[in-house]
Amino acid sequence: MAIGSVVFSHWLLDLLVHRANMPLFPGNAGGFPLLGIGLWQVPTVSIVLESALVLLGAVLYYRSVTAAAERSRRGWAVAAGGIMGLLLTLSLVTDVFG
């Protein structure tokens, strides 16, 4: 269930930024139109959208860690989340600015 949820949510988020090259079914079974809104063609909107997603993910991760992690390991978990957020932000910058 968890892996299926991750794959489906990733597909939905990719739908926003990809050009119309995403099939509805594997191998484009059924010959349905390819989907995609193509927000990567508008860098400002893409940056704002992806930054908001990284920030939302960081907030959800932080709330989850502070609720579930032992106090002695909480600092490491928050640091790991911060490093991941930084790497995702750098990935966004290199995607947009080459």
N, C-alpha and C. Protein backbone atom coordinates (compact mmCIF):
# COMPACT_ATOMS: atom_id res chain seq x y z
N MET A 1 0.83 -1.19 0.00
CA MET A 1 0.00 0.00 0.00
C MET A 1 0.88 1.26 0.00
N ALA A 2 1.93 1.25 0.82
CA ALA A 2 2.78 2.43 0.92
C ALA A 2 3.50 2.70 -0.40
N ILE A 3 4.06 1.66 -1.01
CA ILE A 3 4.78 1.85 -2.27
C ILE A 3 3.82 2.29 -3.37
N GLY A 4 2.65 1.70 -3.43
CA GLY A 4 1.65 2.10 -4.41
C GLY A 4 1.23 3.55 -4.22
N SER A 5 1.08 3.98 -2.98
CA SER A 5 0.71 5.37 -2.70
C SER A 5 1.81 6.33 -3.13
N VAL A 6 3.06 5.96 -2.88
CA VAL A 6 4.18 6.80 -3.28
C VAL A 6 4.25 6.93 -4.81
N VAL A 7 4.09 5.81 -5.50
CA VAL A 7 4.14 5.83 -6.96
C VAL A 7 3.01 6.68 -7.52
N PHE A 8 1.80 6.50 -7.01
CA PHE A 8 0.66 7.25 -7.52
C PHE A 8 0.81 8.75 -7.25
N SER A 9 1.22 9.11 -6.04
CA SER A 9 1.38 10.54 -5.73
C SER A 9 2.51 11.14 -6.56
N HIS A 10 3.56 10.38 -6.82
CA HIS A 10 4.65 10.88 -7.66
C HIS A 10 4.14 11.13 -9.09
N TRP A 11 3.32 10.23 -9.59
CA TRP A 11 2.76 10.41 -10.93
C TRP A 11 1.90 11.67 -10.98
N LEU A 12 1.08 11.89 -9.94
CA LEU A 12 0.24 13.08 -9.91
C LEU A 12 1.07 14.36 -9.88
N LEU A 13 2.14 14.36 -9.10
CA LEU A 13 3.00 15.55 -9.04
C LEU A 13 3.75 15.75 -10.36
N ASP A 14 4.19 14.67 -10.99
CA ASP A 14 4.84 14.77 -12.29
C ASP A 14 3.88 15.28 -13.35
N LEU A 15 2.60 14.99 -13.20
CA LEU A 15 1.60 15.46 -14.15
C LEU A 15 1.63 16.98 -14.26
N LEU A 16 1.93 17.66 -13.16
CA LEU A 16 1.98 19.12 -13.17
C LEU A 16 3.15 19.66 -13.99
N VAL A 17 4.30 19.04 -13.89
CA VAL A 17 5.50 19.63 -14.47
C VAL A 17 5.92 19.05 -15.81
N HIS A 18 5.53 17.81 -16.10
CA HIS A 18 5.96 17.18 -17.36
C HIS A 18 5.18 17.73 -18.54
N ARG A 19 5.85 17.74 -19.70
CA ARG A 19 5.12 18.02 -20.93
C ARG A 19 4.21 16.82 -21.21
N ALA A 20 3.36 16.91 -22.20
CA ALA A 20 2.38 15.86 -22.47
C ALA A 20 3.05 14.61 -23.05
N ASN A 21 3.73 13.86 -22.17
CA ASN A 21 4.40 12.63 -22.58
C ASN A 21 4.18 11.49 -21.58
N MET A 22 3.19 11.65 -20.70
CA MET A 22 2.96 10.64 -19.67
C MET A 22 1.71 9.82 -19.99
N PRO A 23 1.88 8.50 -20.17
CA PRO A 23 0.71 7.66 -20.46
C PRO A 23 -0.14 7.43 -19.22
N LEU A 24 -1.41 7.22 -19.45
CA LEU A 24 -2.32 6.92 -18.35
C LEU A 24 -2.12 5.50 -17.85
N PHE A 25 -1.80 4.58 -18.76
CA PHE A 25 -1.54 3.18 -18.42
C PHE A 25 -0.17 2.78 -18.94
N PRO A 26 0.48 1.79 -18.34
CA PRO A 26 1.80 1.35 -18.82
C PRO A 26 1.77 0.99 -20.30
N GLY A 27 2.77 1.44 -21.01
CA GLY A 27 2.87 1.16 -22.43
C GLY A 27 1.79 1.84 -23.25
N ASN A 28 1.13 2.83 -22.66
CA ASN A 28 0.02 3.55 -23.28
C ASN A 28 -1.06 2.59 -23.78
N ALA A 29 -1.35 1.59 -22.96
CA ALA A 29 -2.40 0.62 -23.31
C ALA A 29 -3.72 1.34 -23.50
N GLY A 30 -4.39 1.03 -24.56
CA GLY A 30 -5.67 1.65 -24.86
C GLY A 30 -5.55 2.88 -25.74
N GLY A 31 -4.32 3.34 -25.97
CA GLY A 31 -4.11 4.48 -26.85
C GLY A 31 -4.71 5.79 -26.36
N PHE A 32 -4.83 5.94 -25.03
CA PHE A 32 -5.34 7.19 -24.49
C PHE A 32 -4.36 8.33 -24.76
N PRO A 33 -4.84 9.57 -24.75
CA PRO A 33 -3.92 10.71 -24.97
C PRO A 33 -2.86 10.76 -23.88
N LEU A 34 -1.66 11.20 -24.26
CA LEU A 34 -0.59 11.38 -23.27
C LEU A 34 -0.90 12.64 -22.47
N LEU A 35 -0.54 12.61 -21.18
CA LEU A 35 -0.92 13.69 -20.27
C LEU A 35 0.30 14.45 -19.77
N GLY A 36 0.08 15.68 -19.36
CA GLY A 36 1.10 16.52 -18.77
C GLY A 36 0.76 17.98 -18.97
N ILE A 37 0.91 18.78 -17.92
CA ILE A 37 0.59 20.20 -18.00
C ILE A 37 1.78 21.00 -18.52
N GLY A 38 3.00 20.57 -18.21
CA GLY A 38 4.19 21.20 -18.76
C GLY A 38 4.64 22.46 -18.06
N LEU A 39 4.54 22.51 -16.73
CA LEU A 39 4.95 23.72 -16.01
C LEU A 39 6.46 23.97 -16.06
N TRP A 40 7.27 23.01 -16.50
CA TRP A 40 8.70 23.26 -16.62
C TRP A 40 8.99 24.28 -17.70
N GLN A 41 8.03 24.52 -18.57
CA GLN A 41 8.22 25.53 -19.61
C GLN A 41 8.09 26.94 -19.04
N VAL A 42 7.57 27.07 -17.83
CA VAL A 42 7.45 28.35 -17.14
C VAL A 42 8.29 28.25 -15.87
N PRO A 43 9.59 28.59 -15.96
CA PRO A 43 10.50 28.35 -14.83
C PRO A 43 10.05 28.98 -13.51
N THR A 44 9.48 30.16 -13.53
CA THR A 44 9.09 30.82 -12.29
C THR A 44 8.01 30.01 -11.57
N VAL A 45 7.01 29.56 -12.31
CA VAL A 45 5.94 28.76 -11.71
C VAL A 45 6.49 27.43 -11.22
N SER A 46 7.37 26.83 -12.00
CA SER A 46 7.97 25.56 -11.61
C SER A 46 8.77 25.70 -10.32
N ILE A 47 9.56 26.76 -10.22
CA ILE A 47 10.37 26.98 -9.01
C ILE A 47 9.47 27.16 -7.79
N VAL A 48 8.45 27.99 -7.92
CA VAL A 48 7.55 28.24 -6.79
C VAL A 48 6.84 26.96 -6.37
N LEU A 49 6.32 26.22 -7.35
CA LEU A 49 5.60 24.97 -7.05
C LEU A 49 6.50 23.94 -6.39
N GLU A 50 7.66 23.71 -6.96
CA GLU A 50 8.55 22.69 -6.39
C GLU A 50 9.12 23.13 -5.05
N SER A 51 9.39 24.41 -4.87
CA SER A 51 9.85 24.90 -3.57
C SER A 51 8.77 24.70 -2.51
N ALA A 52 7.52 24.96 -2.88
CA ALA A 52 6.42 24.76 -1.94
C ALA A 52 6.29 23.28 -1.57
N LEU A 53 6.49 22.40 -2.54
CA LEU A 53 6.42 20.96 -2.26
C LEU A 53 7.56 20.52 -1.34
N VAL A 54 8.76 21.03 -1.57
CA VAL A 54 9.89 20.69 -0.69
C VAL A 54 9.63 21.21 0.72
N LEU A 55 9.13 22.43 0.83
CA LEU A 55 8.84 23.01 2.14
C LEU A 55 7.74 22.22 2.86
N LEU A 56 6.68 21.87 2.14
CA LEU A 56 5.61 21.08 2.73
C LEU A 56 6.13 19.72 3.20
N GLY A 57 6.95 19.08 2.38
CA GLY A 57 7.54 17.80 2.76
C GLY A 57 8.41 17.93 4.00
N ALA A 58 9.19 19.02 4.08
CA ALA A 58 10.05 19.24 5.24
C ALA A 58 9.23 19.43 6.51
N VAL A 59 8.15 20.19 6.40
CA VAL A 59 7.30 20.42 7.57
C VAL A 59 6.64 19.12 8.03
N LEU A 60 6.12 18.35 7.09
CA LEU A 60 5.50 17.07 7.45
C LEU A 60 6.51 16.11 8.05
N TYR A 61 7.73 16.08 7.48
CA TYR A 61 8.78 15.22 8.02
C TYR A 61 9.14 15.65 9.45
N TYR A 62 9.33 16.95 9.67
CA TYR A 62 9.70 17.45 10.99
C TYR A 62 8.62 17.11 12.02
N ARG A 63 7.35 17.30 11.65
CA ARG A 63 6.27 16.98 12.59
C ARG A 63 6.24 15.49 12.90
N SER A 64 6.49 14.67 11.90
CA SER A 64 6.50 13.22 12.10
C SER A 64 7.65 12.80 13.00
N VAL A 65 8.83 13.37 12.76
CA VAL A 65 10.02 13.01 13.54
C VAL A 65 9.87 13.44 14.99
N THR A 66 9.40 14.65 15.21
CA THR A 66 9.27 15.12 16.59
C THR A 66 8.22 14.33 17.36
N ALA A 67 7.25 13.77 16.66
CA ALA A 67 6.22 12.98 17.34
C ALA A 67 6.68 11.55 17.60
N ALA A 68 7.51 10.99 16.72
CA ALA A 68 7.81 9.56 16.81
C ALA A 68 9.22 9.23 17.32
N ALA A 69 10.19 10.07 17.07
CA ALA A 69 11.57 9.72 17.40
C ALA A 69 11.84 9.89 18.90
N GLU A 70 12.73 9.06 19.40
CA GLU A 70 13.18 9.22 20.79
C GLU A 70 13.91 10.55 20.90
N ARG A 71 13.84 11.15 22.05
CA ARG A 71 14.44 12.48 22.23
C ARG A 71 15.94 12.47 21.90
N SER A 72 16.64 11.39 22.24
CA SER A 72 18.09 11.34 22.00
C SER A 72 18.43 11.25 20.51
N ARG A 73 17.52 10.74 19.70
CA ARG A 73 17.79 10.60 18.26
C ARG A 73 17.10 11.66 17.42
N ARG A 74 16.30 12.49 18.02
CA ARG A 74 15.52 13.49 17.30
C ARG A 74 16.42 14.47 16.56
N GLY A 75 17.52 14.88 17.16
CA GLY A 75 18.43 15.83 16.53
C GLY A 75 19.02 15.26 15.24
N TRP A 76 19.40 13.98 15.27
CA TRP A 76 19.95 13.35 14.07
C TRP A 76 18.90 13.27 12.97
N ALA A 77 17.68 12.94 13.34
CA ALA A 77 16.61 12.83 12.35
C ALA A 77 16.30 14.18 11.72
N VAL A 78 16.27 15.23 12.53
CA VAL A 78 16.03 16.58 12.00
C VAL A 78 17.18 17.01 11.10
N ALA A 79 18.42 16.71 11.51
CA ALA A 79 19.58 17.05 10.67
C ALA A 79 19.53 16.31 9.34
N ALA A 80 19.17 15.04 9.37
CA ALA A 80 19.07 14.26 8.12
C ALA A 80 18.00 14.85 7.21
N GLY A 81 16.88 15.25 7.79
CA GLY A 81 15.82 15.88 7.00
C GLY A 81 16.26 17.21 6.42
N GLY A 82 17.03 17.97 7.19
CA GLY A 82 17.55 19.25 6.68
C GLY A 82 18.52 19.05 5.53
N ILE A 83 19.36 18.04 5.65
CA ILE A 83 20.30 17.73 4.55
C ILE A 83 19.54 17.30 3.31
N MET A 84 18.52 16.47 3.47
CA MET A 84 17.72 16.05 2.32
C MET A 84 17.02 17.24 1.68
N GLY A 85 16.47 18.13 2.49
CA GLY A 85 15.83 19.34 1.96
C GLY A 85 16.81 20.20 1.19
N LEU A 86 18.03 20.32 1.71
CA LEU A 86 19.07 21.09 1.02
C LEU A 86 19.42 20.44 -0.31
N LEU A 87 19.58 19.13 -0.33
CA LEU A 87 19.90 18.43 -1.58
C LEU A 87 18.77 18.57 -2.61
N LEU A 88 17.53 18.49 -2.15
CA LEU A 88 16.40 18.67 -3.07
C LEU A 88 16.37 20.09 -3.63
N THR A 89 16.67 21.07 -2.79
CA THR A 89 16.71 22.46 -3.25
C THR A 89 17.84 22.66 -4.26
N LEU A 90 19.01 22.10 -4.00
CA LEU A 90 20.12 22.20 -4.95
C LEU A 90 19.78 21.51 -6.27
N SER A 91 19.07 20.39 -6.19
CA SER A 91 18.64 19.70 -7.40
C SER A 91 17.70 20.57 -8.21
N LEU A 92 16.79 21.26 -7.55
CA LEU A 92 15.88 22.18 -8.23
C LEU A 92 16.64 23.30 -8.90
N VAL A 93 17.61 23.86 -8.20
CA VAL A 93 18.41 24.96 -8.77
C VAL A 93 19.17 24.50 -10.01
N THR A 94 19.79 23.32 -9.93
CA THR A 94 20.55 22.85 -11.08
C THR A 94 19.63 22.46 -12.25
N ASP A 95 18.42 21.98 -11.94
CA ASP A 95 17.45 21.67 -13.01
C ASP A 95 17.03 22.94 -13.75
N VAL A 96 16.81 24.00 -13.00
CA VAL A 96 16.29 25.23 -13.61
C VAL A 96 17.40 26.02 -14.30
N PHE A 97 18.54 26.15 -13.65
CA PHE A 97 19.60 27.00 -14.17
C PHE A 97 20.71 26.25 -14.89
N GLY A 98 20.57 24.96 -15.01
CA GLY A 98 21.53 24.16 -15.79
C GLY A 98 22.76 23.91 -15.05
